[in-house]
N, C-alpha and C. Protein backbone atom coordinates (compact mmCIF):
# COMPACT_ATOMS: atom_id res chain seq x y z
N UNK A 1 1.07 -34.43 40.78
CA UNK A 1 0.99 -33.97 42.22
C UNK A 1 2.02 -33.51 42.65
N UNK A 2 1.68 -32.65 43.61
CA UNK A 2 2.66 -31.82 44.40
C UNK A 2 3.35 -32.77 45.40
N UNK A 3 4.46 -32.17 45.84
CA UNK A 3 5.19 -32.76 47.21
C UNK A 3 5.42 -31.91 48.16
N UNK A 4 4.92 -32.35 49.15
CA UNK A 4 5.19 -31.48 50.73
C UNK A 4 6.20 -32.46 51.60
N UNK A 5 7.16 -31.69 52.15
CA UNK A 5 8.19 -32.51 52.79
C UNK A 5 7.92 -31.67 54.19
N UNK A 6 7.44 -32.31 55.32
CA UNK A 6 6.97 -31.72 56.59
C UNK A 6 8.30 -32.18 57.77
N UNK A 7 7.93 -31.25 58.76
CA UNK A 7 8.85 -31.81 59.79
C UNK A 7 10.40 -31.29 59.67
N UNK A 8 10.45 -30.12 59.17
CA UNK A 8 11.85 -29.80 59.05
C UNK A 8 12.06 -29.07 60.35
N UNK A 9 13.69 -28.91 60.72
CA UNK A 9 14.12 -28.42 61.79
C UNK A 9 15.40 -28.13 61.96
N UNK A 10 16.26 -28.73 61.12
CA UNK A 10 17.78 -28.50 61.30
C UNK A 10 18.20 -27.57 59.89
N UNK A 11 18.82 -26.44 60.26
CA UNK A 11 19.16 -25.38 59.05
C UNK A 11 19.88 -26.10 57.85
N UNK A 12 20.97 -26.80 57.97
CA UNK A 12 21.83 -27.32 57.06
C UNK A 12 21.13 -28.30 56.22
N UNK A 13 20.35 -29.08 56.90
CA UNK A 13 19.36 -30.38 56.22
C UNK A 13 18.13 -29.50 55.36
N UNK A 14 17.60 -28.48 56.04
CA UNK A 14 16.67 -27.90 55.29
C UNK A 14 17.06 -27.09 53.94
N UNK A 15 18.30 -26.60 54.10
CA UNK A 15 18.97 -26.00 52.84
C UNK A 15 19.24 -27.34 51.90
N UNK A 16 19.50 -28.28 52.15
CA UNK A 16 19.95 -29.49 51.30
C UNK A 16 18.65 -29.82 50.74
N UNK A 17 17.45 -29.95 51.35
CA UNK A 17 16.12 -30.29 51.12
C UNK A 17 15.34 -29.26 50.38
N UNK A 18 15.67 -27.89 50.55
CA UNK A 18 15.11 -27.03 49.73
C UNK A 18 15.52 -26.79 48.30
N UNK A 19 16.89 -27.47 48.24
CA UNK A 19 17.45 -27.48 46.76
C UNK A 19 17.02 -28.42 45.71
N UNK A 20 15.98 -29.49 46.48
CA UNK A 20 15.36 -30.38 45.63
C UNK A 20 13.85 -29.77 45.02
N UNK A 21 13.82 -28.39 45.41
CA UNK A 21 12.44 -27.69 45.23
C UNK A 21 11.20 -28.32 45.35
N UNK A 22 10.91 -29.04 46.45
CA UNK A 22 9.56 -29.37 46.65
C UNK A 22 8.68 -28.26 46.44
N UNK A 23 7.25 -28.22 46.48
CA UNK A 23 6.42 -27.53 46.34
C UNK A 23 6.05 -26.78 47.84
N UNK A 24 6.10 -27.69 49.00
CA UNK A 24 5.85 -27.17 50.37
C UNK A 24 6.92 -27.85 51.29
N UNK A 25 7.44 -26.93 52.08
CA UNK A 25 8.16 -27.36 53.26
C UNK A 25 7.56 -27.23 54.62
N UNK A 26 7.11 -28.22 55.29
CA UNK A 26 6.39 -27.64 56.77
C UNK A 26 7.22 -27.71 57.80
N UNK A 27 6.97 -26.73 58.48
CA UNK A 27 7.59 -26.61 59.85
C UNK A 27 6.44 -26.42 61.06
N UNK A 28 6.91 -27.39 61.82
CA UNK A 28 5.95 -27.69 63.26
C UNK A 28 6.00 -26.81 64.41
N UNK A 29 4.95 -26.00 64.75
CA UNK A 29 4.90 -25.05 65.55
C UNK A 29 4.43 -25.71 66.93
N UNK A 30 4.30 -26.87 67.14
CA UNK A 30 3.60 -27.70 68.16
C UNK A 30 4.83 -28.12 69.09
N UNK A 31 4.88 -27.55 70.22
CA UNK A 31 5.94 -27.97 71.04
C UNK A 31 6.19 -29.14 71.56
N UNK A 32 4.96 -30.13 71.64
CA UNK A 32 5.13 -31.47 71.98
C UNK A 32 5.59 -32.37 70.88
N UNK A 33 5.81 -31.95 69.65
CA UNK A 33 6.24 -32.53 68.72
C UNK A 33 7.73 -32.68 68.72
N UNK A 34 8.22 -33.90 68.04
CA UNK A 34 9.73 -34.27 68.28
C UNK A 34 10.39 -33.29 67.13
N UNK A 35 9.53 -32.88 66.36
CA UNK A 35 10.27 -31.91 65.18
C UNK A 35 9.79 -30.47 65.35
N UNK A 36 9.47 -30.03 66.79
CA UNK A 36 9.10 -28.74 66.83
C UNK A 36 10.18 -27.82 66.35
N UNK A 37 9.97 -26.57 66.01
CA UNK A 37 10.65 -25.77 64.89
C UNK A 37 11.82 -24.91 65.95
N UNK A 38 11.49 -24.99 67.11
CA UNK A 38 12.46 -24.49 68.25
C UNK A 38 14.06 -24.56 67.63
N UNK A 39 14.82 -23.13 67.35
CA UNK A 39 15.92 -23.25 66.91
C UNK A 39 16.01 -22.51 65.57
N UNK A 40 15.04 -22.71 64.87
CA UNK A 40 15.21 -22.08 63.41
C UNK A 40 14.65 -20.61 63.66
N UNK A 41 15.44 -19.62 63.21
CA UNK A 41 15.01 -18.25 63.34
C UNK A 41 14.19 -17.87 62.06
N UNK A 42 13.14 -16.97 62.54
CA UNK A 42 12.14 -16.46 61.48
C UNK A 42 12.85 -15.90 60.09
N UNK A 43 13.97 -15.17 60.45
CA UNK A 43 14.77 -14.89 59.12
C UNK A 43 15.21 -16.14 58.06
N UNK A 44 15.67 -17.22 59.04
CA UNK A 44 16.04 -18.26 58.04
C UNK A 44 14.90 -18.85 57.18
N UNK A 45 13.63 -19.01 57.90
CA UNK A 45 12.58 -19.62 57.44
C UNK A 45 12.09 -18.69 56.21
N UNK A 46 11.89 -17.64 56.55
CA UNK A 46 11.32 -16.72 55.39
C UNK A 46 12.16 -16.49 54.33
N UNK A 47 13.65 -16.45 54.37
CA UNK A 47 14.41 -16.46 53.60
C UNK A 47 14.65 -17.68 52.63
N UNK A 48 13.98 -18.51 52.76
CA UNK A 48 14.09 -19.78 51.96
C UNK A 48 13.44 -19.27 50.63
N UNK A 49 13.85 -20.28 49.51
CA UNK A 49 13.28 -19.82 47.93
C UNK A 49 11.96 -19.52 47.99
N UNK A 50 11.68 -18.70 47.23
CA UNK A 50 10.10 -18.16 47.15
C UNK A 50 9.15 -19.14 46.38
N UNK A 51 9.85 -20.12 45.57
CA UNK A 51 8.89 -20.93 44.92
C UNK A 51 8.51 -22.07 45.78
N UNK A 52 9.23 -22.21 47.02
CA UNK A 52 8.64 -23.17 47.88
C UNK A 52 7.68 -22.61 48.99
N UNK A 53 6.55 -23.14 49.23
CA UNK A 53 5.52 -22.75 50.09
C UNK A 53 6.02 -22.98 51.51
N UNK A 54 6.21 -22.00 52.42
CA UNK A 54 6.62 -22.27 53.53
C UNK A 54 5.35 -22.65 54.50
N UNK A 55 5.14 -23.63 55.18
CA UNK A 55 3.83 -24.05 55.70
C UNK A 55 4.30 -24.21 57.21
N UNK A 56 3.20 -23.77 58.01
CA UNK A 56 3.23 -23.85 59.49
C UNK A 56 2.28 -24.69 59.92
N UNK A 57 2.59 -25.76 60.75
CA UNK A 57 1.59 -26.76 61.33
C UNK A 57 1.32 -26.48 62.74
N UNK A 58 0.03 -26.24 63.05
CA UNK A 58 -0.34 -25.96 64.31
C UNK A 58 -1.36 -26.83 64.92
N UNK A 59 -1.42 -27.16 66.29
CA UNK A 59 -2.22 -27.85 67.02
C UNK A 59 -2.89 -27.20 67.94
N UNK A 60 -4.28 -26.92 67.75
CA UNK A 60 -5.01 -26.17 68.70
C UNK A 60 -4.38 -24.78 69.08
N UNK A 61 -3.80 -24.27 68.47
CA UNK A 61 -3.07 -23.12 69.17
C UNK A 61 -4.12 -21.68 68.82
N UNK A 62 -3.84 -20.96 69.70
CA UNK A 62 -4.77 -19.66 70.00
C UNK A 62 -4.35 -18.87 68.69
N UNK A 63 -5.38 -18.15 68.25
CA UNK A 63 -5.91 -17.90 66.90
C UNK A 63 -5.16 -16.49 66.68
N UNK A 64 -4.75 -15.87 67.43
CA UNK A 64 -3.79 -14.47 67.20
C UNK A 64 -2.57 -15.11 67.12
N UNK A 65 -2.15 -15.98 67.87
CA UNK A 65 -0.78 -16.64 68.00
C UNK A 65 -0.31 -17.27 66.48
N UNK A 66 -1.27 -17.70 66.01
CA UNK A 66 -1.22 -18.38 64.72
C UNK A 66 -0.96 -17.36 63.67
N UNK A 67 -1.69 -16.17 63.75
CA UNK A 67 -1.66 -14.93 62.76
C UNK A 67 -0.11 -14.35 63.08
N UNK A 68 0.23 -14.46 64.22
CA UNK A 68 1.52 -13.59 64.80
C UNK A 68 2.94 -14.35 64.04
N UNK A 69 2.77 -15.69 64.23
CA UNK A 69 3.64 -16.74 63.59
C UNK A 69 3.90 -16.79 62.36
N UNK A 70 2.55 -16.76 61.63
CA UNK A 70 2.71 -16.64 60.04
C UNK A 70 3.37 -15.72 59.51
N UNK A 71 2.97 -14.37 60.16
CA UNK A 71 3.72 -13.23 59.70
C UNK A 71 5.12 -13.18 59.97
N UNK A 72 5.40 -13.52 61.03
CA UNK A 72 6.86 -13.37 61.63
C UNK A 72 7.64 -14.39 60.92
N UNK A 73 7.36 -15.64 60.25
CA UNK A 73 8.06 -16.67 59.71
C UNK A 73 7.90 -16.65 58.21
N UNK A 74 7.15 -15.42 57.67
CA UNK A 74 6.57 -15.61 56.20
C UNK A 74 6.11 -16.79 55.64
N UNK A 75 4.93 -17.27 56.33
CA UNK A 75 4.51 -18.52 56.00
C UNK A 75 3.34 -18.25 54.79
N UNK A 76 3.23 -19.13 53.67
CA UNK A 76 2.39 -18.85 52.81
C UNK A 76 1.26 -20.05 52.92
N UNK A 77 1.38 -21.13 53.84
CA UNK A 77 0.37 -21.89 54.09
C UNK A 77 0.33 -22.16 55.71
N UNK A 78 -1.00 -22.28 56.13
CA UNK A 78 -1.18 -22.79 57.63
C UNK A 78 -1.91 -24.16 57.32
N UNK A 79 -1.38 -24.87 58.32
CA UNK A 79 -2.12 -26.43 58.39
C UNK A 79 -2.47 -26.44 59.76
N UNK A 80 -3.76 -26.83 59.73
CA UNK A 80 -4.40 -27.09 61.30
C UNK A 80 -4.29 -28.51 61.63
N UNK A 81 -3.39 -28.97 62.64
CA UNK A 81 -3.56 -30.56 62.76
C UNK A 81 -4.11 -31.07 64.07
N UNK A 82 -4.97 -30.06 64.53
CA UNK A 82 -5.64 -30.55 65.96
C UNK A 82 -7.09 -30.66 65.73
N UNK A 83 -7.89 -30.42 66.72
CA UNK A 83 -9.31 -30.54 66.75
C UNK A 83 -10.10 -29.29 66.41
N UNK A 84 -9.55 -28.32 65.66
CA UNK A 84 -10.20 -27.00 65.39
C UNK A 84 -11.50 -27.26 64.80
N UNK A 85 -12.57 -26.58 65.56
CA UNK A 85 -13.55 -26.55 64.62
C UNK A 85 -13.84 -25.74 63.46
N UNK A 86 -15.14 -25.71 62.83
CA UNK A 86 -15.26 -24.92 61.92
C UNK A 86 -15.31 -23.43 62.02
N UNK A 87 -15.68 -23.28 63.31
CA UNK A 87 -15.82 -21.68 63.89
C UNK A 87 -14.58 -21.16 64.04
N UNK A 88 -13.66 -22.10 64.58
CA UNK A 88 -12.23 -21.41 64.69
C UNK A 88 -11.63 -21.38 63.27
N UNK A 89 -11.94 -22.04 62.23
CA UNK A 89 -11.23 -21.93 60.81
C UNK A 89 -11.85 -21.07 60.13
N UNK A 90 -13.24 -20.55 60.48
CA UNK A 90 -13.63 -19.39 59.84
C UNK A 90 -13.00 -18.10 60.65
N UNK A 91 -12.93 -18.07 61.78
CA UNK A 91 -12.27 -16.91 62.44
C UNK A 91 -10.98 -16.53 61.89
N UNK A 92 -10.03 -17.95 61.69
CA UNK A 92 -8.72 -17.65 61.14
C UNK A 92 -8.67 -17.17 59.85
N UNK A 93 -9.81 -17.61 58.98
CA UNK A 93 -9.82 -17.13 57.62
C UNK A 93 -9.92 -15.66 57.65
N UNK A 94 -10.94 -15.17 58.45
CA UNK A 94 -11.15 -13.91 58.57
C UNK A 94 -9.70 -13.14 59.01
N UNK A 95 -9.11 -13.49 59.84
CA UNK A 95 -7.90 -12.86 60.22
C UNK A 95 -6.87 -12.81 59.22
N UNK A 96 -6.99 -13.72 58.44
CA UNK A 96 -6.02 -14.11 57.33
C UNK A 96 -6.39 -13.18 55.96
N UNK A 97 -7.47 -12.46 56.05
CA UNK A 97 -7.93 -12.05 54.82
C UNK A 97 -6.94 -11.12 54.27
N UNK A 98 -6.96 -11.41 52.81
CA UNK A 98 -5.88 -10.41 52.05
C UNK A 98 -4.44 -10.66 51.99
N UNK A 99 -4.36 -11.81 53.02
CA UNK A 99 -2.91 -12.12 52.85
C UNK A 99 -2.35 -13.18 52.07
N UNK A 100 -3.49 -13.81 51.46
CA UNK A 100 -3.12 -14.82 50.44
C UNK A 100 -2.56 -16.29 50.80
N UNK A 101 -2.50 -16.26 52.22
CA UNK A 101 -2.06 -17.53 52.90
C UNK A 101 -3.19 -18.63 52.84
N UNK A 102 -2.70 -19.93 52.41
CA UNK A 102 -3.59 -20.67 51.89
C UNK A 102 -3.88 -21.55 53.60
N UNK A 103 -5.22 -22.19 53.54
CA UNK A 103 -5.42 -22.58 54.88
C UNK A 103 -5.78 -24.41 54.52
N UNK A 104 -5.21 -25.09 55.33
CA UNK A 104 -5.21 -26.80 55.26
C UNK A 104 -5.76 -27.08 56.43
N UNK A 105 -6.78 -27.93 56.45
CA UNK A 105 -7.31 -28.67 57.73
C UNK A 105 -6.98 -30.25 57.58
N UNK A 106 -6.22 -30.59 58.59
CA UNK A 106 -5.90 -31.98 58.56
C UNK A 106 -6.91 -32.72 59.32
N UNK A 107 -7.08 -33.99 58.71
CA UNK A 107 -7.96 -34.96 59.89
C UNK A 107 -7.34 -36.33 59.95
N UNK A 108 -7.51 -37.09 61.00
CA UNK A 108 -6.75 -38.53 60.97
C UNK A 108 -8.09 -39.43 60.56
N UNK A 109 -7.58 -40.21 59.71
CA UNK A 109 -8.60 -41.28 59.27
C UNK A 109 -8.49 -42.77 59.61
N UNK A 110 -9.37 -43.26 59.94
CA UNK A 110 -9.37 -44.72 60.30
C UNK A 110 -10.80 -45.36 59.81
N UNK A 111 -11.25 -46.38 60.22
CA UNK A 111 -12.36 -46.99 59.71
C UNK A 111 -13.62 -46.47 60.34
N UNK A 112 -13.46 -45.68 61.43
CA UNK A 112 -14.42 -45.20 62.08
C UNK A 112 -14.78 -43.61 61.85
N UNK A 113 -13.86 -43.05 60.88
CA UNK A 113 -14.01 -41.43 60.63
C UNK A 113 -15.41 -41.29 59.78
N UNK A 114 -15.91 -40.31 60.20
CA UNK A 114 -17.18 -39.84 59.64
C UNK A 114 -16.87 -38.92 58.57
N UNK A 115 -16.93 -39.10 57.47
CA UNK A 115 -16.53 -38.01 56.34
C UNK A 115 -17.46 -37.10 56.30
N UNK A 116 -18.73 -37.10 56.91
CA UNK A 116 -19.65 -36.06 56.85
C UNK A 116 -19.24 -34.59 57.43
N UNK A 117 -18.46 -35.00 58.73
CA UNK A 117 -18.00 -33.95 59.14
C UNK A 117 -17.07 -32.74 58.44
N UNK A 118 -16.65 -33.18 57.17
CA UNK A 118 -16.05 -32.55 56.38
C UNK A 118 -16.74 -31.38 55.75
N UNK A 119 -18.03 -31.81 55.89
CA UNK A 119 -19.00 -30.84 54.94
C UNK A 119 -19.02 -29.23 55.54
N UNK A 120 -18.83 -29.05 56.97
CA UNK A 120 -18.75 -27.77 57.56
C UNK A 120 -17.54 -27.09 57.36
N UNK A 121 -16.53 -27.80 56.77
CA UNK A 121 -15.14 -26.98 56.59
C UNK A 121 -15.08 -26.92 55.00
N UNK A 122 -15.86 -27.45 54.14
CA UNK A 122 -15.51 -27.30 52.64
C UNK A 122 -15.51 -26.00 52.16
N UNK A 123 -16.24 -24.96 52.64
CA UNK A 123 -16.37 -23.65 52.06
C UNK A 123 -15.23 -22.61 52.79
N UNK A 124 -14.77 -23.30 53.80
CA UNK A 124 -13.74 -22.28 54.72
C UNK A 124 -12.37 -22.63 54.22
N UNK A 125 -11.84 -23.94 54.07
CA UNK A 125 -10.47 -24.01 54.04
C UNK A 125 -10.13 -24.39 52.33
N UNK A 126 -8.82 -24.19 52.03
CA UNK A 126 -8.43 -24.40 50.87
C UNK A 126 -8.35 -25.81 50.44
N UNK A 127 -7.90 -26.69 51.34
CA UNK A 127 -7.35 -28.04 51.18
C UNK A 127 -7.68 -28.88 52.44
N UNK A 128 -8.08 -30.01 52.33
CA UNK A 128 -7.87 -30.98 53.41
C UNK A 128 -6.62 -31.67 53.38
N UNK A 129 -6.25 -32.38 54.40
CA UNK A 129 -5.30 -33.24 54.45
C UNK A 129 -5.53 -34.48 55.17
N UNK A 130 -5.15 -35.74 54.61
CA UNK A 130 -5.86 -36.78 55.33
C UNK A 130 -4.53 -37.67 55.96
N UNK A 131 -4.57 -37.85 57.16
CA UNK A 131 -3.31 -38.65 57.83
C UNK A 131 -3.89 -39.74 58.52
N UNK A 132 -3.01 -40.39 58.87
CA UNK A 132 -3.24 -41.67 59.77
C UNK A 132 -3.85 -41.05 61.20
N UNK A 133 -4.91 -41.92 61.66
CA UNK A 133 -5.44 -41.58 62.81
C UNK A 133 -4.63 -42.20 63.93
N UNK A 134 -3.79 -41.30 64.86
CA UNK A 134 -3.18 -41.84 65.94
C UNK A 134 -3.56 -41.14 67.20
N UNK A 135 -2.90 -41.41 68.37
CA UNK A 135 -3.07 -40.71 69.52
C UNK A 135 -2.42 -39.23 69.57
N UNK A 136 -1.18 -39.16 68.73
CA UNK A 136 -0.54 -38.24 68.31
C UNK A 136 -1.15 -37.15 67.42
N UNK A 137 -0.18 -36.27 66.85
CA UNK A 137 -0.76 -35.40 65.86
C UNK A 137 0.03 -35.59 64.56
N UNK A 138 -0.07 -36.85 64.03
CA UNK A 138 0.89 -36.91 62.75
C UNK A 138 2.15 -37.39 63.02
N UNK A 139 2.92 -38.03 62.08
CA UNK A 139 4.42 -38.10 62.43
C UNK A 139 4.55 -39.49 62.87
N UNK A 140 3.48 -40.45 62.57
CA UNK A 140 3.62 -41.75 63.16
C UNK A 140 4.22 -42.69 62.33
N UNK A 141 4.54 -42.50 61.19
CA UNK A 141 4.97 -43.36 60.00
C UNK A 141 4.09 -44.65 59.60
N UNK A 142 3.01 -44.49 60.30
CA UNK A 142 2.05 -45.43 59.80
C UNK A 142 0.95 -45.08 58.61
N UNK A 143 0.79 -45.77 57.74
CA UNK A 143 -0.31 -45.68 56.58
C UNK A 143 -1.71 -45.98 56.90
N UNK A 144 -2.80 -45.20 56.54
CA UNK A 144 -4.00 -45.85 56.67
C UNK A 144 -4.41 -46.54 55.43
N UNK A 145 -5.72 -47.09 55.50
CA UNK A 145 -6.20 -47.62 54.41
C UNK A 145 -6.90 -46.84 53.33
N UNK A 146 -6.08 -46.55 52.20
CA UNK A 146 -6.60 -45.30 51.33
C UNK A 146 -8.12 -45.77 50.84
N UNK A 147 -8.42 -46.85 50.66
CA UNK A 147 -9.67 -47.20 50.15
C UNK A 147 -10.65 -46.59 50.78
N UNK A 148 -10.42 -46.17 52.23
CA UNK A 148 -11.58 -45.40 52.94
C UNK A 148 -11.78 -43.92 52.26
N UNK A 149 -10.83 -43.54 51.59
CA UNK A 149 -11.18 -42.43 50.72
C UNK A 149 -12.44 -42.45 49.78
N UNK A 150 -12.69 -43.41 49.64
CA UNK A 150 -13.95 -43.86 48.78
C UNK A 150 -15.15 -43.03 49.15
N UNK A 151 -15.02 -42.97 50.47
CA UNK A 151 -16.29 -42.15 51.18
C UNK A 151 -16.43 -40.80 51.22
N UNK A 152 -15.14 -40.33 50.65
CA UNK A 152 -15.03 -38.65 50.57
C UNK A 152 -15.68 -38.22 49.37
N UNK A 153 -16.66 -37.65 49.51
CA UNK A 153 -17.51 -37.15 48.30
C UNK A 153 -17.57 -35.84 47.87
N UNK A 154 -16.76 -35.07 48.62
CA UNK A 154 -16.82 -33.59 48.41
C UNK A 154 -15.45 -33.11 47.23
N UNK A 155 -15.89 -32.15 46.50
CA UNK A 155 -15.23 -31.65 45.42
C UNK A 155 -14.00 -30.61 46.00
N UNK A 156 -13.20 -31.31 46.75
CA UNK A 156 -12.26 -30.34 47.51
C UNK A 156 -10.88 -31.02 47.24
N UNK A 157 -9.90 -30.66 46.88
CA UNK A 157 -8.45 -30.85 46.86
C UNK A 157 -8.06 -31.36 48.29
N UNK A 158 -7.09 -32.39 48.24
CA UNK A 158 -6.59 -32.70 49.46
C UNK A 158 -4.94 -33.27 49.31
N UNK A 159 -4.31 -33.14 50.50
CA UNK A 159 -2.92 -33.75 50.73
C UNK A 159 -3.21 -35.06 51.21
N UNK A 160 -2.34 -36.18 50.80
CA UNK A 160 -2.53 -37.32 51.52
C UNK A 160 -1.21 -37.59 52.01
N UNK A 161 -1.29 -37.94 53.35
CA UNK A 161 -0.17 -38.18 54.39
C UNK A 161 -0.16 -39.36 55.20
N UNK A 162 0.62 -39.54 55.97
CA UNK A 162 0.49 -40.75 56.78
C UNK A 162 1.46 -41.93 56.59
N UNK A 163 2.70 -41.96 56.95
CA UNK A 163 3.41 -43.15 56.55
C UNK A 163 3.99 -43.28 55.06
N UNK A 164 3.91 -42.26 54.28
CA UNK A 164 4.16 -42.70 53.03
C UNK A 164 5.69 -42.73 52.75
N UNK A 165 6.33 -43.72 51.94
CA UNK A 165 7.66 -43.92 51.71
C UNK A 165 7.83 -44.37 50.36
N UNK A 166 9.01 -44.75 50.09
CA UNK A 166 9.40 -45.44 48.81
C UNK A 166 8.56 -46.59 48.37
N UNK A 167 8.30 -47.24 49.52
CA UNK A 167 7.38 -48.45 49.13
C UNK A 167 5.98 -48.15 48.59
N UNK A 168 5.67 -47.07 48.69
CA UNK A 168 4.24 -46.69 48.13
C UNK A 168 4.17 -46.06 46.83
N UNK A 169 5.36 -45.87 46.38
CA UNK A 169 5.19 -44.94 44.87
C UNK A 169 4.24 -45.71 43.88
N UNK A 170 4.43 -46.84 43.89
CA UNK A 170 3.43 -47.50 42.68
C UNK A 170 1.99 -47.53 43.06
N UNK A 171 1.63 -47.59 44.32
CA UNK A 171 0.43 -47.44 44.81
C UNK A 171 -0.05 -45.97 44.62
N UNK A 172 0.84 -45.03 44.73
CA UNK A 172 0.47 -43.72 44.58
C UNK A 172 0.16 -43.43 43.12
N UNK A 173 0.79 -43.93 42.12
CA UNK A 173 0.65 -43.79 40.87
C UNK A 173 -0.85 -44.41 40.30
N UNK A 174 -1.04 -45.13 41.02
CA UNK A 174 -2.48 -45.92 40.85
C UNK A 174 -3.74 -45.13 41.11
N UNK A 175 -3.40 -44.13 41.94
CA UNK A 175 -4.63 -43.22 42.27
C UNK A 175 -5.04 -42.26 41.42
N UNK A 176 -6.16 -42.48 40.96
CA UNK A 176 -6.72 -41.54 39.67
C UNK A 176 -7.59 -40.48 40.27
N UNK A 177 -7.71 -40.20 41.09
CA UNK A 177 -8.48 -39.00 42.15
C UNK A 177 -7.83 -37.68 41.79
N UNK A 178 -8.77 -37.10 40.91
CA UNK A 178 -8.23 -35.66 40.29
C UNK A 178 -8.11 -34.91 41.71
N UNK A 179 -8.90 -35.07 42.77
CA UNK A 179 -8.69 -33.98 43.81
C UNK A 179 -7.37 -34.44 44.66
N UNK A 180 -6.65 -35.42 44.42
CA UNK A 180 -5.47 -35.54 45.08
C UNK A 180 -4.39 -34.62 44.66
N UNK A 181 -4.13 -33.53 45.59
CA UNK A 181 -3.50 -32.35 45.21
C UNK A 181 -1.92 -32.46 45.49
N UNK A 182 -1.62 -33.26 46.69
CA UNK A 182 -0.05 -33.04 46.82
C UNK A 182 0.06 -34.29 47.99
N UNK A 183 1.38 -34.97 47.84
CA UNK A 183 1.86 -35.97 48.64
C UNK A 183 2.61 -35.33 49.80
N UNK A 184 2.20 -35.58 51.05
CA UNK A 184 2.89 -35.25 52.26
C UNK A 184 3.86 -36.10 52.88
N UNK A 185 5.19 -36.00 52.79
CA UNK A 185 6.05 -37.10 53.34
C UNK A 185 6.61 -36.46 54.56
N UNK A 186 7.03 -37.49 55.59
CA UNK A 186 7.82 -36.97 56.66
C UNK A 186 8.93 -38.20 57.06
N UNK A 187 8.23 -38.75 58.40
CA UNK A 187 8.95 -39.76 58.92
C UNK A 187 9.68 -40.76 58.33
N UNK A 188 9.16 -41.34 57.32
CA UNK A 188 9.90 -42.35 56.41
C UNK A 188 11.08 -41.89 55.59
N UNK A 189 11.22 -40.79 55.82
CA UNK A 189 12.38 -40.46 54.95
C UNK A 189 13.48 -39.74 55.89
N UNK A 190 13.44 -40.09 57.10
CA UNK A 190 14.45 -39.66 58.16
C UNK A 190 15.55 -40.41 58.78
N UNK A 191 16.45 -39.74 59.06
CA UNK A 191 17.61 -40.50 59.84
C UNK A 191 17.23 -40.38 61.42
N UNK A 192 16.70 -39.34 61.93
CA UNK A 192 16.33 -38.93 63.05
C UNK A 192 15.11 -37.73 62.90
N UNK A 193 14.16 -37.68 64.09
CA UNK A 193 13.24 -36.60 63.96
C UNK A 193 13.66 -35.29 63.44
N UNK A 194 13.21 -34.82 62.46
CA UNK A 194 13.41 -33.53 61.75
C UNK A 194 14.91 -33.73 60.62
N UNK A 195 15.56 -34.65 60.58
CA UNK A 195 16.69 -34.87 59.83
C UNK A 195 16.24 -35.73 58.99
N UNK A 196 16.37 -35.29 57.59
CA UNK A 196 15.61 -35.90 56.32
C UNK A 196 16.81 -36.74 55.76
N UNK A 197 16.59 -37.70 54.92
CA UNK A 197 17.64 -38.64 54.09
C UNK A 197 17.52 -37.73 52.61
N UNK A 198 18.34 -37.14 52.37
CA UNK A 198 17.98 -36.41 51.12
C UNK A 198 18.01 -37.22 49.84
N UNK A 199 19.15 -38.16 49.75
CA UNK A 199 18.89 -39.22 48.98
C UNK A 199 17.72 -40.10 48.65
N UNK A 200 17.02 -40.44 49.84
CA UNK A 200 15.86 -41.14 49.59
C UNK A 200 14.69 -40.25 49.09
N UNK A 201 14.75 -38.97 49.33
CA UNK A 201 13.80 -37.81 49.02
C UNK A 201 14.05 -37.56 47.44
N UNK A 202 15.42 -37.56 46.86
CA UNK A 202 15.58 -37.46 45.33
C UNK A 202 15.19 -38.80 44.83
N UNK A 203 15.35 -39.85 45.22
CA UNK A 203 14.66 -40.95 44.73
C UNK A 203 13.14 -41.06 44.49
N UNK A 204 12.57 -40.64 45.55
CA UNK A 204 11.09 -40.54 45.64
C UNK A 204 10.52 -39.50 44.63
N UNK A 205 11.30 -38.27 44.62
CA UNK A 205 10.72 -37.18 43.78
C UNK A 205 10.93 -37.64 42.40
N UNK A 206 12.09 -38.53 41.95
CA UNK A 206 12.08 -38.96 40.67
C UNK A 206 11.23 -39.97 40.24
N UNK A 207 10.69 -40.88 41.02
CA UNK A 207 10.04 -41.86 40.76
C UNK A 207 8.49 -41.42 40.78
N UNK A 208 8.23 -40.55 41.54
CA UNK A 208 6.77 -40.26 41.59
C UNK A 208 6.08 -39.75 40.35
């Protein structure tokens, strides 16, 4: 499984986390988030190690703005974490044609989630991301009931997110779903919003 560490915002901390060589580093371009990227320069983000996919997290952002920021910050992956409909995702896919940028669509999962709504996205996005359904847009520190994913029938790889910490390592190892592409961690590895505990991340990466 690949590892995505999301919600990065402090340069010195980012450098230390990047030294762990995660597969993805997530940067949040949603102004209402406590982990908003403000203060990080495009040159710093684009200059991070090439082996780490720099991921921009957007929430209901204007299409051209997403593309503009993706180019400016040298993003390799775009994660849509709002209520973006299939039509929006298709339009964005068209704008990103020939860039090689991956497209991830996130969904908040609870017992009321209708997995059939994913059908319209399946041929547009590269990955799904399953997070805990909350009033906000991620970063809640809460885990959803992973058995709900038994209802997910599409052959599409996905990121698993939502309150994942050291306590979930053994449970993660028990998941035998070949579609589970990456683990996405954030708030359970923080001293404060955007400030990651590098020692905890090392322990998690070692045990995973």
